[in-house]
Protein backbone atom coordinates (compact mmCIF):
# COMPACT_ATOMS: atom_id res chain seq x y z
CA MET A 1 186.48 117.02 62.19
CA THR A 2 185.16 113.83 59.89
CA GLU A 3 182.85 111.38 60.57
CA ARG A 4 184.81 108.03 61.45
CA LEU A 5 183.92 104.78 61.58
CA THR A 6 183.30 102.94 65.00
CA THR A 7 185.27 100.18 65.28
CA LEU A 8 182.70 97.88 65.10
CA ASP A 9 181.58 99.84 61.91
CA ALA A 10 185.13 98.73 60.38
CA SER A 11 185.11 94.85 61.64
CA PHE A 12 182.19 94.15 59.30
CA LEU A 13 184.46 95.41 56.89
CA TYR A 14 187.58 94.04 57.17
CA LEU A 15 185.36 90.39 57.68
CA GLU A 16 184.52 90.68 54.10
CA ASP A 17 186.19 88.94 51.20
CA ALA A 18 184.96 88.49 47.71
CA GLY A 19 183.70 84.97 48.49
CA ALA A 20 182.12 86.00 51.74
CA PRO A 21 180.08 88.98 51.38
CA MET A 22 179.09 90.04 54.90
CA HIS A 23 175.65 92.59 53.33
CA VAL A 24 172.14 92.08 55.24
CA ALA A 25 169.66 91.27 52.28
CA GLY A 26 165.75 91.43 52.79
CA VAL A 27 163.01 89.99 50.62
CA LEU A 28 159.79 92.34 50.48
CA VAL A 29 156.75 90.64 48.48
CA LEU A 30 154.03 93.74 48.00
CA GLU A 31 150.60 93.86 46.97
CA PRO A 32 150.22 95.90 42.87
CA VAL A 33 151.50 99.14 43.50
CA ASP A 34 149.34 102.09 41.72
CA GLY A 35 152.09 103.66 39.42
CA GLY A 36 153.96 100.37 39.32
CA LEU A 37 158.23 100.70 39.83
CA ASP A 38 158.30 104.19 39.24
CA ALA A 39 156.06 104.77 42.19
CA LEU A 40 158.42 102.76 44.90
CA ALA A 41 161.54 104.37 42.79
CA GLU A 42 160.12 108.04 43.71
CA LEU A 43 158.91 106.59 47.40
CA LEU A 44 162.52 105.93 47.90
CA GLU A 45 164.03 108.90 46.50
CA ALA A 46 161.93 111.36 48.26
CA ARG A 47 162.68 109.17 51.55
CA LEU A 48 166.50 109.18 51.30
CA PRO A 49 167.00 112.50 53.15
CA LEU A 50 165.52 110.44 56.21
CA VAL A 51 168.74 108.57 55.72
CA PRO A 52 171.93 110.71 55.56
CA ARG A 53 174.38 107.31 55.61
CA TYR A 54 172.59 106.33 52.55
CA ARG A 55 174.57 109.26 50.45
CA GLN A 56 178.05 108.36 51.97
CA ARG A 57 180.66 106.51 50.86
CA VAL A 58 183.63 104.71 52.79
CA VAL A 59 186.90 106.55 52.56
CA PRO A 60 190.01 104.81 53.74
CA VAL A 61 193.06 106.80 55.64
CA PRO A 62 195.76 106.33 54.19
CA GLY A 63 198.68 104.06 55.73
CA TYR A 64 195.84 102.74 58.15
CA LEU A 65 196.26 105.48 60.84
CA ALA A 66 193.26 105.16 61.89
CA ASN A 67 189.73 103.88 61.07
CA PRO A 68 188.44 104.82 57.66
CA VAL A 69 185.77 107.61 57.82
CA TRP A 70 182.20 108.76 55.94
CA ALA A 71 182.12 111.16 53.47
CA ASP A 72 179.46 112.38 51.09
CA ASP A 73 179.47 110.85 47.62
CA PRO A 74 179.93 113.51 44.90
CA ASP A 75 179.07 110.99 42.22
CA PHE A 76 176.12 109.75 43.94
CA ASP A 77 173.44 108.93 41.51
CA VAL A 78 170.40 106.78 42.72
CA ALA A 79 169.48 105.13 39.27
CA TYR A 80 172.77 102.78 40.28
CA HIS A 81 171.66 101.77 43.68
CA VAL A 82 167.91 101.67 42.89
CA ARG A 83 167.84 99.22 40.21
CA ARG A 84 164.71 97.35 38.43
CA SER A 85 164.26 93.79 37.36
CA ALA A 86 161.64 91.71 36.78
CA VAL A 87 161.07 87.54 36.52
CA PRO A 88 159.82 85.81 33.61
CA ARG A 89 156.38 83.97 33.92
CA PRO A 90 154.74 82.88 35.32
CA GLY A 91 156.47 84.29 37.98
CA THR A 92 156.80 82.07 40.82
CA GLU A 93 158.37 81.52 43.88
CA ALA A 94 161.36 79.62 42.76
CA GLN A 95 161.63 81.99 40.23
CA LEU A 96 162.09 85.37 42.57
CA LEU A 97 164.53 82.95 44.68
CA ASP A 98 166.58 82.21 41.96
CA LEU A 99 167.01 85.70 41.70
CA VAL A 100 167.40 86.46 45.08
CA SER A 101 169.96 84.10 45.09
CA ARG A 102 172.34 85.67 42.31
CA VAL A 103 171.72 89.18 43.58
CA THR A 104 172.67 88.39 47.43
CA SER A 105 176.00 86.02 46.08
CA ARG A 106 177.46 90.00 44.80
CA PRO A 107 179.18 91.81 46.68
CA LEU A 108 178.83 95.56 47.09
CA ASP A 109 181.08 98.04 45.66
CA ARG A 110 182.99 99.96 48.34
CA ARG A 111 183.52 103.03 46.11
CA ARG A 112 179.91 103.83 46.21
CA PRO A 113 177.56 103.99 49.43
CA LEU A 114 177.08 100.58 50.56
CA TRP A 115 173.33 99.39 49.71
CA GLU A 116 171.20 98.54 46.63
CA VAL A 117 167.46 98.01 46.11
CA TYR A 118 166.09 95.56 43.05
CA LEU A 119 162.14 96.04 42.32
CA VAL A 120 160.78 92.86 40.83
CA GLU A 121 158.03 92.96 38.96
CA GLY A 122 156.57 89.67 36.64
CA LEU A 123 155.19 87.77 40.15
CA ALA A 124 152.19 86.07 40.55
CA GLU A 125 148.67 87.95 40.90
CA GLY A 126 150.51 91.08 39.89
CA ARG A 127 152.73 91.21 43.04
CA VAL A 128 156.16 92.86 43.27
CA ALA A 129 158.97 92.06 45.41
CA VAL A 130 161.64 94.23 47.08
CA VAL A 131 164.87 92.98 47.57
CA THR A 132 167.61 94.77 49.62
CA LYS A 133 171.38 94.84 50.34
CA THR A 134 172.20 96.79 52.74
CA HIS A 135 176.27 96.73 54.40
CA PRO A 136 175.87 96.12 58.29
CA ALA A 137 178.29 99.08 58.95
CA LEU A 138 175.47 101.19 57.49
CA VAL A 139 172.92 99.30 60.14
CA ASP A 140 172.53 96.84 62.60
CA GLY A 141 171.69 93.37 61.11
CA LEU A 142 170.14 92.01 64.34
CA GLY A 143 167.90 95.31 64.82
CA ALA A 144 166.48 96.46 61.37
CA VAL A 145 165.41 95.18 57.92
CA ASP A 146 167.72 97.38 56.22
CA ILE A 147 166.50 100.28 54.08
CA ALA A 148 163.12 98.71 53.77
CA GLN A 149 162.96 100.86 57.00
CA VAL A 150 161.91 104.05 55.30
CA LEU A 151 160.22 102.72 52.55
CA LEU A 152 157.44 101.30 54.77
CA ASP A 153 154.27 102.77 56.55
CA PRO A 154 151.98 102.14 59.17
CA THR A 155 148.76 103.50 57.15
CA PRO A 156 147.83 103.22 53.37
CA ASP A 157 147.95 107.03 52.62
CA ALA A 158 150.80 108.24 54.55
CA PRO A 159 152.64 111.61 52.27
CA VAL A 160 155.82 111.27 50.55
CA PRO A 161 157.76 113.99 51.50
CA ALA A 162 158.69 116.89 48.66
CA ALA A 163 162.48 115.90 47.15
CA ASP A 164 165.45 117.92 48.80
CA SER A 165 167.86 119.69 47.06
CA TRP A 166 171.06 117.79 48.41
CA ALA A 167 174.68 118.89 47.69
CA PRO A 168 177.68 116.67 48.61
CA ARG A 169 179.90 118.14 50.77
CA ARG A 170 184.02 117.92 49.59
CA VAL A 171 185.53 114.18 50.03
CA PRO A 172 188.39 114.97 52.72
CA GLY A 173 192.21 114.58 50.90
CA PRO A 174 194.91 112.52 52.00
CA VAL A 175 196.21 115.41 53.47
CA ARG A 176 193.24 116.17 55.73
CA LEU A 177 192.56 112.34 56.65
CA VAL A 178 196.41 111.79 57.88
CA ALA A 179 196.24 115.27 59.78
CA ASP A 180 192.88 114.46 61.56
CA ALA A 181 193.82 110.49 62.49
CA LEU A 182 197.17 112.43 64.30
CA GLY A 183 194.95 114.81 66.29
CA GLU A 184 192.84 112.42 67.18
CA TYR A 185 196.33 110.60 68.60
CA VAL A 186 197.33 114.08 70.14
CA GLN A 187 193.51 113.92 72.04
CA ARG A 188 194.05 110.03 73.25
CA PRO A 189 197.88 109.39 73.17
CA THR A 190 197.40 106.05 74.42
CA ALA A 191 196.62 105.08 70.41
CA VAL A 192 200.02 106.10 69.76
CA VAL A 193 201.06 103.31 72.09
CA GLU A 194 198.75 101.15 70.71
CA THR A 195 199.38 101.35 66.89
CA ALA A 196 203.14 101.42 68.08
CA ARG A 197 203.48 98.53 69.61
CA SER A 198 201.36 96.67 66.76
CA ALA A 199 204.12 97.92 64.74
CA VAL A 200 206.84 96.52 66.25
CA GLY A 201 204.87 93.19 66.29
CA ASP A 202 204.31 92.65 70.41
CA LEU A 203 202.45 89.33 69.58
CA ARG A 204 202.30 89.07 72.84
CA SER A 205 200.72 92.00 74.32
CA THR A 206 198.50 91.68 70.67
CA ALA A 207 197.17 88.59 71.96
CA ALA A 208 196.58 89.94 75.69
CA ARG A 209 194.25 92.33 73.98
CA VAL A 210 192.34 89.78 72.13
CA ARG A 211 191.43 87.65 75.56
CA SER A 212 190.46 91.35 77.00
CA ALA A 213 188.32 92.42 74.46
CA THR A 214 186.79 88.80 74.05
CA GLY A 215 186.22 87.67 77.22
CA GLY A 216 182.72 86.28 77.28
CA LEU A 217 184.05 84.61 73.62
CA VAL A 218 187.25 82.52 75.10
CA ARG A 219 184.66 81.62 78.27
CA ALA A 220 182.45 80.62 75.34
CA ALA A 221 184.91 78.13 73.92
CA ARG A 222 186.38 77.09 77.11
CA SER A 223 182.81 75.75 78.33
CA ALA A 224 182.62 74.23 74.94
CA VAL A 225 185.15 71.68 75.40
CA VAL A 226 184.39 69.74 72.68
CA PRO A 227 184.45 71.64 69.34
CA ALA A 228 181.78 71.95 67.00
CA PRO A 229 181.00 69.01 65.20
CA HIS A 230 182.01 69.21 61.83
CA GLY A 231 179.40 68.05 58.95
CA PRO A 232 178.04 69.26 56.01
CA LEU A 233 177.17 72.64 57.51
CA ASN A 234 180.91 73.60 57.78
CA ARG A 235 183.09 73.87 54.49
CA THR A 236 184.87 76.50 52.61
CA ALA A 237 181.88 78.40 51.39
CA GLY A 238 181.99 79.02 47.33
CA ARG A 239 180.96 82.51 46.00
CA GLN A 240 177.10 81.28 44.79
CA ARG A 241 174.61 81.26 47.14
CA ARG A 242 171.20 79.38 47.26
CA VAL A 243 168.10 81.09 49.44
CA ALA A 244 165.10 79.49 50.10
CA VAL A 245 162.36 80.50 52.44
CA ALA A 246 159.46 78.83 55.07
CA ARG A 247 156.55 80.20 56.68
CA ALA A 248 154.44 79.14 59.82
CA ASP A 249 151.73 80.88 61.67
CA LEU A 250 152.20 82.86 64.92
CA GLU A 251 149.42 81.33 66.81
CA ASP A 252 150.48 77.63 65.96
CA LEU A 253 153.88 78.51 67.60
CA LYS A 254 152.23 80.02 70.25
CA ALA A 255 150.03 77.36 71.06
CA ILE A 256 152.32 74.58 70.96
CA ARG A 257 154.32 76.86 73.86
CA ARG A 258 151.19 77.19 75.93
CA ALA A 259 150.75 73.32 75.69
CA HIS A 260 154.42 72.30 76.09
CA GLY A 261 156.11 75.52 77.81
CA GLY A 262 159.21 77.37 77.64
CA THR A 263 159.12 80.55 74.63
CA LEU A 264 158.71 81.30 70.79
CA ASN A 265 161.99 81.64 70.56
CA ASP A 266 162.56 78.03 71.84
CA VAL A 267 159.89 76.56 69.70
CA LEU A 268 161.42 78.00 66.69
CA LEU A 269 164.67 76.05 67.71
CA THR A 270 162.87 73.00 68.29
CA VAL A 271 161.23 73.43 64.78
CA LEU A 272 164.73 73.95 63.59
CA THR A 273 166.30 71.68 64.94
CA GLY A 274 163.53 68.69 63.67
CA ALA A 275 164.00 69.77 60.26
CA LEU A 276 167.82 70.07 60.46
CA ARG A 277 167.22 66.12 61.99
CA ASP A 278 165.55 65.03 58.80
CA TRP A 279 167.79 66.85 56.28
CA LEU A 280 170.52 65.10 58.15
CA LEU A 281 168.90 61.71 57.45
CA SER A 282 168.03 62.64 53.49
CA ARG A 283 171.49 63.06 52.96
CA GLY A 284 172.92 59.56 54.72
CA GLU A 285 174.61 61.47 57.31
CA PRO A 286 175.16 59.91 60.44
CA VAL A 287 172.66 60.89 63.41
CA LEU A 288 173.00 59.31 66.45
CA GLY A 289 171.49 59.70 70.02
CA SER A 290 173.90 61.93 70.74
CA THR A 291 174.64 63.91 67.43
CA ALA A 292 174.40 68.09 67.94
CA VAL A 293 174.54 70.84 65.86
CA ARG A 294 175.58 73.94 67.28
CA ALA A 295 174.14 77.08 66.77
CA LEU A 296 175.23 80.96 67.65
CA VAL A 297 172.09 82.20 68.69
CA PRO A 298 171.77 85.95 68.63
CA VAL A 299 168.64 86.67 71.11
CA SER A 300 167.06 89.97 72.50
CA VAL A 301 167.84 90.88 76.25
CA GLN A 302 165.06 93.24 76.65
CA GLY A 303 161.50 93.62 75.71
CA GLU A 304 161.50 89.65 76.12
CA GLU A 305 157.86 89.43 75.47
CA GLU A 306 157.52 87.42 72.21
CA ASP A 307 156.32 90.32 69.73
CA LEU A 308 158.44 93.12 70.74
CA PRO A 309 161.66 93.54 69.41
CA GLY A 310 164.43 93.84 72.14
CA SER A 311 167.14 96.95 72.44
CA SER A 312 169.92 95.02 73.21
CA VAL A 313 171.17 91.08 71.79
CA SER A 314 173.18 88.86 73.27
CA ALA A 315 174.42 85.50 71.30
CA TYR A 316 174.84 82.21 73.00
CA LEU A 317 176.04 78.96 71.58
CA VAL A 318 173.49 76.29 71.81
CA ASP A 319 173.71 72.71 71.14
CA LEU A 320 170.65 71.66 68.91
CA PRO A 321 169.77 68.20 69.65
CA VAL A 322 169.63 66.48 66.12
CA GLY A 323 169.86 63.19 67.14
CA GLU A 324 166.79 63.32 70.28
CA PRO A 325 163.85 61.83 67.89
CA ASN A 326 161.60 63.07 70.51
CA PRO A 327 160.27 66.61 69.50
CA TRP A 328 159.10 67.90 73.10
CA VAL A 329 162.21 66.23 74.67
CA ARG A 330 163.82 68.55 72.50
CA LEU A 331 161.34 71.13 73.27
CA ALA A 332 162.78 70.59 76.81
CA ARG A 333 165.87 70.66 76.40
CA LEU A 334 166.59 73.40 74.36
CA GLY A 335 164.10 75.41 77.09
CA TYR A 336 166.67 74.22 79.79
CA ALA A 337 169.46 75.03 77.45
CA MET A 338 168.70 78.46 76.49
CA ARG A 339 167.61 79.67 80.91
CA SER A 340 171.24 77.91 81.90
CA VAL A 341 173.29 80.34 78.96
CA THR A 342 172.50 83.00 80.45
CA GLY A 343 173.97 82.82 83.59
CA SER A 344 177.12 80.37 82.49
CA GLY A 345 179.94 81.10 80.55
CA ARG A 346 178.68 80.66 77.41
CA SER A 347 176.73 83.76 77.57
CA VAL A 348 178.23 85.94 74.84
CA ARG A 349 177.78 89.34 74.37
CA ALA A 350 177.04 90.35 70.85
CA ASP A 351 179.56 93.38 71.36
CA ALA A 352 182.13 90.76 72.81
CA LEU A 353 181.77 88.79 69.69
CA ILE A 354 182.55 91.73 67.33
CA ALA A 355 185.35 92.83 69.78
CA LEU A 356 186.75 90.08 68.15
CA THR A 357 188.09 91.91 65.19
CA GLY A 358 188.44 95.43 67.11
CA PHE A 359 190.76 94.42 69.61
CA ALA A 360 193.12 96.76 68.38
CA PRO A 361 194.01 99.63 66.26
CA PRO A 362 192.89 99.32 62.47
CA THR A 363 196.40 97.83 60.92
CA LEU A 364 195.21 94.69 62.51
CA HIS A 365 191.37 94.44 61.94
CA ALA A 366 192.10 92.32 59.14
CA LEU A 367 194.30 89.46 61.64
CA GLY A 368 190.91 89.95 64.21
CA ALA A 369 189.12 89.26 61.20
CA ARG A 370 190.95 86.00 60.45
CA ALA A 371 190.84 84.77 64.06
CA ALA A 372 187.44 85.31 64.07
CA ARG A 373 186.48 83.40 61.06
CA GLY A 374 189.25 80.70 61.82
CA LEU A 375 187.40 80.65 65.66
CA SER A 376 183.90 80.37 63.96
CA ARG A 377 184.35 76.88 62.48
CA ARG A 378 185.45 75.32 65.31
CA VAL A 379 182.94 77.11 67.76
CA PHE A 380 179.43 76.71 66.01
CA ASN A 381 177.81 75.33 63.05
CA LEU A 382 175.94 77.95 61.95
CA VAL A 383 173.85 80.87 63.06
CA VAL A 384 170.12 81.17 63.59
CA THR A 385 168.75 85.20 64.03
CA ASN A 386 165.13 85.78 65.45
CA VAL A 387 163.84 89.69 65.74
CA PRO A 388 160.15 90.03 66.08
CA GLY A 389 158.68 91.98 63.83
CA PRO A 390 155.51 94.42 63.64
CA GLN A 391 152.45 92.74 64.13
CA VAL A 392 150.08 95.33 62.26
CA PRO A 393 150.33 95.50 58.46
CA LEU A 394 152.83 97.44 56.77
CA TYR A 395 152.55 99.40 53.63
CA ALA A 396 155.07 100.83 50.55
CA ALA A 397 153.81 103.65 48.00
CA GLY A 398 149.99 102.55 49.77
CA SER A 399 150.33 98.95 48.98
CA ARG A 400 150.42 96.46 51.37
CA MET A 401 153.14 94.49 52.38
CA LEU A 402 152.18 90.72 52.38
CA GLU A 403 155.64 88.71 53.33
CA VAL A 404 159.08 89.90 54.80
CA PHE A 405 161.97 87.15 54.52
CA PRO A 406 165.82 87.92 55.98
CA VAL A 407 168.97 86.84 54.27
CA VAL A 408 171.39 86.70 56.66
CA PRO A 409 174.82 86.39 55.32
CA LEU A 410 177.44 83.27 56.05
CA VAL A 411 180.88 83.35 57.85
CA GLY A 412 184.12 82.05 57.09
CA GLY A 413 183.38 78.00 56.96
CA GLN A 414 179.78 78.63 57.60
CA GLY A 415 177.39 76.82 54.95
CA LEU A 416 173.77 78.21 56.39
CA ALA A 417 172.67 80.98 58.28
CA VAL A 418 169.13 80.90 59.28
CA GLY A 419 166.99 84.51 59.87
CA MET A 420 163.74 84.52 61.26
CA THR A 421 161.08 87.34 61.51
CA SER A 422 157.54 87.77 62.50
CA TYR A 423 155.27 90.28 60.89
CA ASP A 424 151.41 90.59 60.76
CA GLY A 425 150.52 87.25 62.15
CA ARG A 426 153.31 84.76 60.97
CA VAL A 427 156.70 84.30 61.00
CA TYR A 428 159.08 84.12 57.95
CA ILE A 429 162.14 82.11 57.69
CA GLY A 430 165.01 83.25 55.28
CA LEU A 431 167.30 80.32 54.82
CA ASN A 432 170.48 81.62 52.73
CA ALA A 433 173.15 78.47 51.95
CA ASP A 434 176.40 77.84 50.43
CA ARG A 435 175.41 76.56 46.69
CA ASP A 436 178.09 74.09 46.52
CA GLY A 437 177.79 72.46 50.03
CA VAL A 438 174.40 72.88 50.89
CA GLY A 439 172.67 73.36 47.32
CA ASP A 440 169.32 71.43 48.68
CA VAL A 441 168.32 74.29 50.86
CA ASP A 442 165.12 73.92 49.63
CA VAL A 443 164.30 70.50 51.08
CA LEU A 444 165.67 72.11 54.72
CA ALA A 445 162.63 74.80 53.84
CA ASP A 446 160.23 72.26 53.51
CA LEU A 447 161.28 70.58 56.14
CA VAL A 448 160.54 73.44 58.16
CA GLU A 449 157.73 73.62 57.34
CA GLN A 450 156.72 69.90 58.05
CA GLU A 451 157.47 70.39 61.44
CA VAL A 452 155.70 73.47 62.02
CA GLY A 453 152.52 71.50 60.89
CA ALA A 454 153.04 67.99 63.11
CA LEU A 455 153.92 69.89 66.13
CA SER A 456 150.97 72.26 65.92
CA GLU A 457 148.46 69.00 64.66
CA SER A 458 149.71 67.33 67.50
CA VAL A 459 148.32 70.14 69.94
CA ARG A 460 145.29 70.45 68.71
């Protein structure tokens, strides 16, 4: 029996189009590596057996009778997925981010395993960068930093595994794929009924399944009586991206939290809110006392110590009070909002959000994906993820990782996505923006750092 994509994984594929690639990217900056890029490439190839999925590609089922299946790629070529690149002298951060912006703008090739790694040399002080692109169908974008996990070790002298003798299994043909799908229908007769209903276009039945599968999202939409305000963050996204980064010391953020309460997540949202306020004002946008920017904020619901990653995620709709000039009032309001949404209809489980594209047989996935994108334009303005990371140094090929920045994909109608992660005493913020609509995202990144500096200085 072939291994089939889950409804969740398939939904990410159906959400995607050429103008809105759904891959999660990451930027790792390393100290100079002994052996250069060859050492990193050899390590990555040696570690591939730890992630068998990275040698498999997605094979669709004829007629969309069932979800696609995973199959070994008989033409797998590690050299295609692990690419070398360089930035010109002097190797500045701006040059690296320009490369990252171009790399993340291009969708992954679905005819191959859904990941790529770019090994970048030429950075100042001999440093190198690893830029990763991983499709969420391979790995949860909120819970991991994609293929970087197989590169990184807790010690600089971790052994390199011996090369394996991998032989791909035969790709199932159309007859086998159809037979397996029909066999599953025999084992689960209700699937046939669902497919038949969708085939004859029973729209009322379909709508009922949407409401059932996405009850959390519907309740969230109802609780947000006023739609998310339209502004520069909401527009039809183009195909090009601009990536910017910001940094903060974890101890500074903890000091702000100790002085004024709340959680680290509350503090980070307060920082972002203040930066968005100044950014909107710099663009001449009207900012009144009641002005807000609605964020979809996935957060951990287990392991809520600030330095520990959670094993489960919920997503909350939170109005960021950009119209409030006092940062401490903003912090109090956001802390209250984050506490209150967990016990109200505005709390949306992550699986409920994704279920919008998985409510029906595979033939209706595309319809669900379009509904998700259309609804997101009305319900929220941007996505903000915060994934705590390890607070100890990590190494790749014996070289210490200095920084790591997440790059969260844009969904339809969104001009900005913000990813945050903590590592080794610092917080790293990656801002992924539509180049046409939010081309000045580097200004917003600078304002984030200025906001952190102003708040931390005020509590000293």
